[in-house]
Amino acid sequence: MARKNIKGKDVAQFLGVRQATIYDKLNGHYGFSFYEALAIKNCFFPEYDLEYLFKQDNEVRENATT
């Protein structure tokens, strides 16, 4: 999100939820529904696939070291 200058409030506004809800989901406290993930991808990140966008941090680190 930072690379594209997209803020949590932008995603929250788009999905119609509180900003705190988005940050809870981004921090792993709750998951995004499939439909939320698809909507975020289509609106903000059409050039990326869902798997890449929603990888967990530990998966990203493991792939970077291999």
PDB file of N, CA and C in Angstrom:
ATOM      1  N   MET A   1       0.823  -1.173   0.000  1.00  0.00           N
ATOM      2  CA  MET A   1       0.000   0.000   0.000  1.00  0.00           C
ATOM      3  C   MET A   1       0.873   1.245   0.000  1.00  0.00           C
ATOM      4  N   ALA A   2       1.964   1.197   0.738  1.00  0.00           N
ATOM      5  CA  ALA A   2       2.829   2.370   0.838  1.00  0.00           C
ATOM      6  C   ALA A   2       3.435   2.733  -0.512  1.00  0.00           C
ATOM      7  N   ARG A   3       3.804   1.729  -1.292  1.00  0.00           N
ATOM      8  CA  ARG A   3       4.402   2.003  -2.605  1.00  0.00           C
ATOM      9  C   ARG A   3       3.469   2.784  -3.514  1.00  0.00           C
ATOM     10  N   LYS A   4       2.174   2.571  -3.348  1.00  0.00           N
ATOM     11  CA  LYS A   4       1.190   3.249  -4.192  1.00  0.00           C
ATOM     12  C   LYS A   4       0.514   4.406  -3.456  1.00  0.00           C
ATOM     13  N   ASN A   5       1.037   4.738  -2.271  1.00  0.00           N
ATOM     14  CA  ASN A   5       0.513   5.836  -1.455  1.00  0.00           C
ATOM     15  C   ASN A   5      -0.973   5.657  -1.132  1.00  0.00           C
ATOM     16  N   ILE A   6      -1.355   4.416  -0.853  1.00  0.00           N
ATOM     17  CA  ILE A   6      -2.733   4.106  -0.472  1.00  0.00           C
ATOM     18  C   ILE A   6      -2.763   3.969   1.045  1.00  0.00           C
ATOM     19  N   LYS A   7      -3.658   4.668   1.661  1.00  0.00           N
ATOM     20  CA  LYS A   7      -3.771   4.686   3.117  1.00  0.00           C
ATOM     21  C   LYS A   7      -4.891   3.753   3.581  1.00  0.00           C
ATOM     22  N   GLY A   8      -4.791   3.340   4.827  1.00  0.00           N
ATOM     23  CA  GLY A   8      -5.838   2.517   5.416  1.00  0.00           C
ATOM     24  C   GLY A   8      -7.195   3.192   5.357  1.00  0.00           C
ATOM     25  N   LYS A   9      -7.200   4.515   5.516  1.00  0.00           N
ATOM     26  CA  LYS A   9      -8.485   5.231   5.466  1.00  0.00           C
ATOM     27  C   LYS A   9      -9.098   5.155   4.077  1.00  0.00           C
ATOM     28  N   ASP A  10      -8.258   5.084   3.026  1.00  0.00           N
ATOM     29  CA  ASP A  10      -8.776   4.950   1.659  1.00  0.00           C
ATOM     30  C   ASP A  10      -9.481   3.611   1.481  1.00  0.00           C
ATOM     31  N   VAL A  11      -8.849   2.561   1.976  1.00  0.00           N
ATOM     32  CA  VAL A  11      -9.425   1.219   1.872  1.00  0.00           C
ATOM     33  C   VAL A  11     -10.684   1.126   2.731  1.00  0.00           C
ATOM     34  N   ALA A  12     -10.631   1.694   3.936  1.00  0.00           N
ATOM     35  CA  ALA A  12     -11.795   1.676   4.822  1.00  0.00           C
ATOM     36  C   ALA A  12     -12.980   2.391   4.183  1.00  0.00           C
ATOM     37  N   GLN A  13     -12.717   3.541   3.618  1.00  0.00           N
ATOM     38  CA  GLN A  13     -13.785   4.302   2.970  1.00  0.00           C
ATOM     39  C   GLN A  13     -14.370   3.518   1.797  1.00  0.00           C
ATOM     40  N   PHE A  14     -13.510   2.900   1.012  1.00  0.00           N
ATOM     41  CA  PHE A  14     -13.956   2.114  -0.134  1.00  0.00           C
ATOM     42  C   PHE A  14     -14.849   0.954   0.299  1.00  0.00           C
ATOM     43  N   LEU A  15     -14.451   0.264   1.377  1.00  0.00           N
ATOM     44  CA  LEU A  15     -15.212  -0.902   1.843  1.00  0.00           C
ATOM     45  C   LEU A  15     -16.378  -0.525   2.753  1.00  0.00           C
ATOM     46  N   GLY A  16     -16.409   0.719   3.205  1.00  0.00           N
ATOM     47  CA  GLY A  16     -17.486   1.151   4.089  1.00  0.00           C
ATOM     48  C   GLY A  16     -17.353   0.633   5.508  1.00  0.00           C
ATOM     49  N   VAL A  17     -16.099   0.542   5.978  1.00  0.00           N
ATOM     50  CA  VAL A  17     -15.846   0.091   7.347  1.00  0.00           C
ATOM     51  C   VAL A  17     -14.986   1.130   8.060  1.00  0.00           C
ATOM     52  N   ARG A  18     -14.833   0.949   9.370  1.00  0.00           N
ATOM     53  CA  ARG A  18     -13.993   1.869  10.141  1.00  0.00           C
ATOM     54  C   ARG A  18     -12.524   1.661   9.790  1.00  0.00           C
ATOM     55  N   GLN A  19     -11.754   2.715   9.912  1.00  0.00           N
ATOM     56  CA  GLN A  19     -10.321   2.641   9.646  1.00  0.00           C
ATOM     57  C   GLN A  19      -9.655   1.640  10.592  1.00  0.00           C
ATOM     58  N   ALA A  20     -10.089   1.610  11.844  1.00  0.00           N
ATOM     59  CA  ALA A  20      -9.528   0.668  12.816  1.00  0.00           C
ATOM     60  C   ALA A  20      -9.743  -0.778  12.379  1.00  0.00           C
ATOM     61  N   THR A  21     -10.863  -1.046  11.733  1.00  0.00           N
ATOM     62  CA  THR A  21     -11.148  -2.397  11.240  1.00  0.00           C
ATOM     63  C   THR A  21     -10.122  -2.809  10.196  1.00  0.00           C
ATOM     64  N   ILE A  22      -9.793  -1.901   9.295  1.00  0.00           N
ATOM     65  CA  ILE A  22      -8.796  -2.197   8.259  1.00  0.00           C
ATOM     66  C   ILE A  22      -7.445  -2.473   8.900  1.00  0.00           C
ATOM     67  N   TYR A  23      -7.035  -1.639   9.858  1.00  0.00           N
ATOM     68  CA  TYR A  23      -5.741  -1.855  10.498  1.00  0.00           C
ATOM     69  C   TYR A  23      -5.722  -3.151  11.303  1.00  0.00           C
ATOM     70  N   ASP A  24      -6.840  -3.510  11.932  1.00  0.00           N
ATOM     71  CA  ASP A  24      -6.911  -4.804  12.619  1.00  0.00           C
ATOM     72  C   ASP A  24      -6.715  -5.945  11.628  1.00  0.00           C
ATOM     73  N   LYS A  25      -7.316  -5.831  10.470  1.00  0.00           N
ATOM     74  CA  LYS A  25      -7.183  -6.876   9.449  1.00  0.00           C
ATOM     75  C   LYS A  25      -5.768  -6.899   8.876  1.00  0.00           C
ATOM     76  N   LEU A  26      -5.198  -5.740   8.628  1.00  0.00           N
ATOM     77  CA  LEU A  26      -3.834  -5.679   8.097  1.00  0.00           C
ATOM     78  C   LEU A  26      -2.821  -6.229   9.095  1.00  0.00           C
ATOM     79  N   ASN A  27      -3.098  -6.060  10.381  1.00  0.00           N
ATOM     80  CA  ASN A  27      -2.192  -6.545  11.419  1.00  0.00           C
ATOM     81  C   ASN A  27      -2.457  -7.990  11.819  1.00  0.00           C
ATOM     82  N   GLY A  28      -3.393  -8.649  11.140  1.00  0.00           N
ATOM     83  CA  GLY A  28      -3.620 -10.066  11.357  1.00  0.00           C
ATOM     84  C   GLY A  28      -4.565 -10.419  12.485  1.00  0.00           C
ATOM     85  N   HIS A  29      -5.225  -9.435  13.083  1.00  0.00           N
ATOM     86  CA  HIS A  29      -6.177  -9.734  14.154  1.00  0.00           C
ATOM     87  C   HIS A  29      -7.431 -10.402  13.604  1.00  0.00           C
ATOM     88  N   TYR A  30      -7.800 -10.038  12.396  1.00  0.00           N
ATOM     89  CA  TYR A  30      -8.955 -10.610  11.699  1.00  0.00           C
ATOM     90  C   TYR A  30      -8.565 -10.781  10.244  1.00  0.00           C
ATOM     91  N   GLY A  31      -9.263 -11.646   9.546  1.00  0.00           N
ATOM     92  CA  GLY A  31      -8.984 -11.845   8.134  1.00  0.00           C
ATOM     93  C   GLY A  31      -9.908 -11.025   7.248  1.00  0.00           C
ATOM     94  N   PHE A  32      -9.468 -10.801   6.027  1.00  0.00           N
ATOM     95  CA  PHE A  32     -10.320 -10.196   5.011  1.00  0.00           C
ATOM     96  C   PHE A  32     -11.180 -11.298   4.411  1.00  0.00           C
ATOM     97  N   SER A  33     -12.417 -10.991   4.118  1.00  0.00           N
ATOM     98  CA  SER A  33     -13.240 -11.959   3.400  1.00  0.00           C
ATOM     99  C   SER A  33     -12.726 -12.031   1.960  1.00  0.00           C
ATOM    100  N   PHE A  34     -13.081 -13.083   1.271  1.00  0.00           N
ATOM    101  CA  PHE A  34     -12.672 -13.215  -0.127  1.00  0.00           C
ATOM    102  C   PHE A  34     -13.169 -12.029  -0.943  1.00  0.00           C
ATOM    103  N   TYR A  35     -14.399 -11.615  -0.688  1.00  0.00           N
ATOM    104  CA  TYR A  35     -14.983 -10.521  -1.468  1.00  0.00           C
ATOM    105  C   TYR A  35     -14.314  -9.186  -1.159  1.00  0.00           C
ATOM    106  N   GLU A  36     -13.921  -8.975   0.101  1.00  0.00           N
ATOM    107  CA  GLU A  36     -13.163  -7.769   0.444  1.00  0.00           C
ATOM    108  C   GLU A  36     -11.814  -7.779  -0.261  1.00  0.00           C
ATOM    109  N   ALA A  37     -11.135  -8.922  -0.207  1.00  0.00           N
ATOM    110  CA  ALA A  37      -9.828  -9.040  -0.849  1.00  0.00           C
ATOM    111  C   ALA A  37      -9.930  -8.791  -2.343  1.00  0.00           C
ATOM    112  N   LEU A  38     -10.925  -9.369  -2.972  1.00  0.00           N
ATOM    113  CA  LEU A  38     -11.113  -9.192  -4.409  1.00  0.00           C
ATOM    114  C   LEU A  38     -11.428  -7.736  -4.750  1.00  0.00           C
ATOM    115  N   ALA A  39     -12.263  -7.097  -3.956  1.00  0.00           N
ATOM    116  CA  ALA A  39     -12.609  -5.695  -4.199  1.00  0.00           C
ATOM    117  C   ALA A  39     -11.387  -4.794  -4.038  1.00  0.00           C
ATOM    118  N   ILE A  40     -10.575  -5.044  -3.010  1.00  0.00           N
ATOM    119  CA  ILE A  40      -9.353  -4.255  -2.792  1.00  0.00           C
ATOM    120  C   ILE A  40      -8.407  -4.436  -3.961  1.00  0.00           C
ATOM    121  N   LYS A  41      -8.216  -5.671  -4.381  1.00  0.00           N
ATOM    122  CA  LYS A  41      -7.335  -5.956  -5.519  1.00  0.00           C
ATOM    123  C   LYS A  41      -7.820  -5.245  -6.772  1.00  0.00           C
ATOM    124  N   ASN A  42      -9.092  -5.376  -7.082  1.00  0.00           N
ATOM    125  CA  ASN A  42      -9.621  -4.794  -8.317  1.00  0.00           C
ATOM    126  C   ASN A  42      -9.574  -3.272  -8.315  1.00  0.00           C
ATOM    127  N   CYS A  43      -9.810  -2.664  -7.171  1.00  0.00           N
ATOM    128  CA  CYS A  43      -9.840  -1.206  -7.095  1.00  0.00           C
ATOM    129  C   CYS A  43      -8.448  -0.594  -7.001  1.00  0.00           C
ATOM    130  N   PHE A  44      -7.616  -1.127  -6.116  1.00  0.00           N
ATOM    131  CA  PHE A  44      -6.343  -0.488  -5.801  1.00  0.00           C
ATOM    132  C   PHE A  44      -5.122  -1.147  -6.443  1.00  0.00           C
ATOM    133  N   PHE A  45      -5.196  -2.448  -6.710  1.00  0.00           N
ATOM    134  CA  PHE A  45      -4.016  -3.192  -7.169  1.00  0.00           C
ATOM    135  C   PHE A  45      -4.337  -4.135  -8.324  1.00  0.00           C
ATOM    136  N   PRO A  46      -4.929  -3.659  -9.392  1.00  0.00           N
ATOM    137  CA  PRO A  46      -5.328  -4.569 -10.479  1.00  0.00           C
ATOM    138  C   PRO A  46      -4.153  -5.285 -11.142  1.00  0.00           C
ATOM    139  N   GLU A  47      -2.955  -4.746 -10.990  1.00  0.00           N
ATOM    140  CA  GLU A  47      -1.788  -5.342 -11.635  1.00  0.00           C
ATOM    141  C   GLU A  47      -1.194  -6.518 -10.857  1.00  0.00           C
ATOM    142  N   TYR A  48      -1.673  -6.769  -9.640  1.00  0.00           N
ATOM    143  CA  TYR A  48      -1.155  -7.853  -8.808  1.00  0.00           C
ATOM    144  C   TYR A  48      -2.201  -8.953  -8.654  1.00  0.00           C
ATOM    145  N   ASP A  49      -1.729 -10.177  -8.368  1.00  0.00           N
ATOM    146  CA  ASP A  49      -2.695 -11.238  -8.107  1.00  0.00           C
ATOM    147  C   ASP A  49      -2.977 -11.319  -6.601  1.00  0.00           C
ATOM    148  N   LEU A  50      -4.079 -11.948  -6.261  1.00  0.00           N
ATOM    149  CA  LEU A  50      -4.507 -12.021  -4.862  1.00  0.00           C
ATOM    150  C   LEU A  50      -3.474 -12.708  -3.975  1.00  0.00           C
ATOM    151  N   GLU A  51      -2.879 -13.761  -4.478  1.00  0.00           N
ATOM    152  CA  GLU A  51      -1.901 -14.503  -3.677  1.00  0.00           C
ATOM    153  C   GLU A  51      -0.752 -13.601  -3.246  1.00  0.00           C
ATOM    154  N   TYR A  52      -0.247 -12.806  -4.156  1.00  0.00           N
ATOM    155  CA  TYR A  52       0.847 -11.890  -3.838  1.00  0.00           C
ATOM    156  C   TYR A  52       0.396 -10.833  -2.829  1.00  0.00           C
ATOM    157  N   LEU A  53      -0.759 -10.246  -3.062  1.00  0.00           N
ATOM    158  CA  LEU A  53      -1.229  -9.156  -2.206  1.00  0.00           C
ATOM    159  C   LEU A  53      -1.501  -9.581  -0.775  1.00  0.00           C
ATOM    160  N   PHE A  54      -1.973 -10.798  -0.587  1.00  0.00           N
ATOM    161  CA  PHE A  54      -2.421 -11.200   0.738  1.00  0.00           C
ATOM    162  C   PHE A  54      -1.530 -12.249   1.384  1.00  0.00           C
ATOM    163  N   LYS A  55      -0.271 -12.331   0.947  1.00  0.00           N
ATOM    164  CA  LYS A  55       0.687 -13.199   1.627  1.00  0.00           C
ATOM    165  C   LYS A  55       0.938 -12.663   3.022  1.00  0.00           C
ATOM    166  N   GLN A  56       1.154 -13.568   3.947  1.00  0.00           N
ATOM    167  CA  GLN A  56       1.512 -13.177   5.304  1.00  0.00           C
ATOM    168  C   GLN A  56       2.959 -12.709   5.308  1.00  0.00           C
ATOM    169  N   ASP A  57       3.331 -11.856   6.247  1.00  0.00           N
ATOM    170  CA  ASP A  57       4.692 -11.331   6.331  1.00  0.00           C
ATOM    171  C   ASP A  57       5.736 -12.433   6.386  1.00  0.00           C
ATOM    172  N   ASN A  58       5.486 -13.503   7.146  1.00  0.00           N
ATOM    173  CA  ASN A  58       6.471 -14.575   7.247  1.00  0.00           C
ATOM    174  C   ASN A  58       6.659 -15.286   5.913  1.00  0.00           C
ATOM    175  N   GLU A  59       5.624 -15.375   5.088  1.00  0.00           N
ATOM    176  CA  GLU A  59       5.750 -15.974   3.760  1.00  0.00           C
ATOM    177  C   GLU A  59       6.596 -15.090   2.854  1.00  0.00           C
ATOM    178  N   VAL A  60       6.436 -13.794   2.968  1.00  0.00           N
ATOM    179  CA  VAL A  60       7.215 -12.858   2.160  1.00  0.00           C
ATOM    180  C   VAL A  60       8.680 -12.961   2.534  1.00  0.00           C
ATOM    181  N   ARG A  61       8.977 -13.013   3.846  1.00  0.00           N
ATOM    182  CA  ARG A  61      10.367 -13.119   4.294  1.00  0.00           C
ATOM    183  C   ARG A  61      11.002 -14.429   3.845  1.00  0.00           C
ATOM    184  N   GLU A  62      10.261 -15.537   3.929  1.00  0.00           N
ATOM    185  CA  GLU A  62      10.790 -16.834   3.506  1.00  0.00           C
ATOM    186  C   GLU A  62      11.116 -16.826   2.022  1.00  0.00           C
ATOM    187  N   ASN A  63      10.256 -16.252   1.204  1.00  0.00           N
ATOM    188  CA  ASN A  63      10.495 -16.196  -0.236  1.00  0.00           C
ATOM    189  C   ASN A  63      11.659 -15.287  -0.574  1.00  0.00           C
ATOM    190  N   ALA A  64      11.898 -14.265   0.207  1.00  0.00           N
ATOM    191  CA  ALA A  64      12.991 -13.333  -0.056  1.00  0.00           C
ATOM    192  C   ALA A  64      14.343 -13.979   0.226  1.00  0.00           C
ATOM    193  N   THR A  65      14.376 -14.952   1.132  1.00  0.00           N
ATOM    194  CA  THR A  65      15.643 -15.588   1.481  1.00  0.00           C
ATOM    195  C   THR A  65      15.943 -16.811   0.636  1.00  0.00           C
ATOM    196  N   THR A  66      14.995 -17.265  -0.172  1.00  0.00           N
ATOM    197  CA  THR A  66      15.233 -18.453  -1.003  1.00  0.00           C
ATOM    198  C   THR A  66      15.515 -18.067  -2.426  1.00  0.00           C
TER     199      THR A  66
END
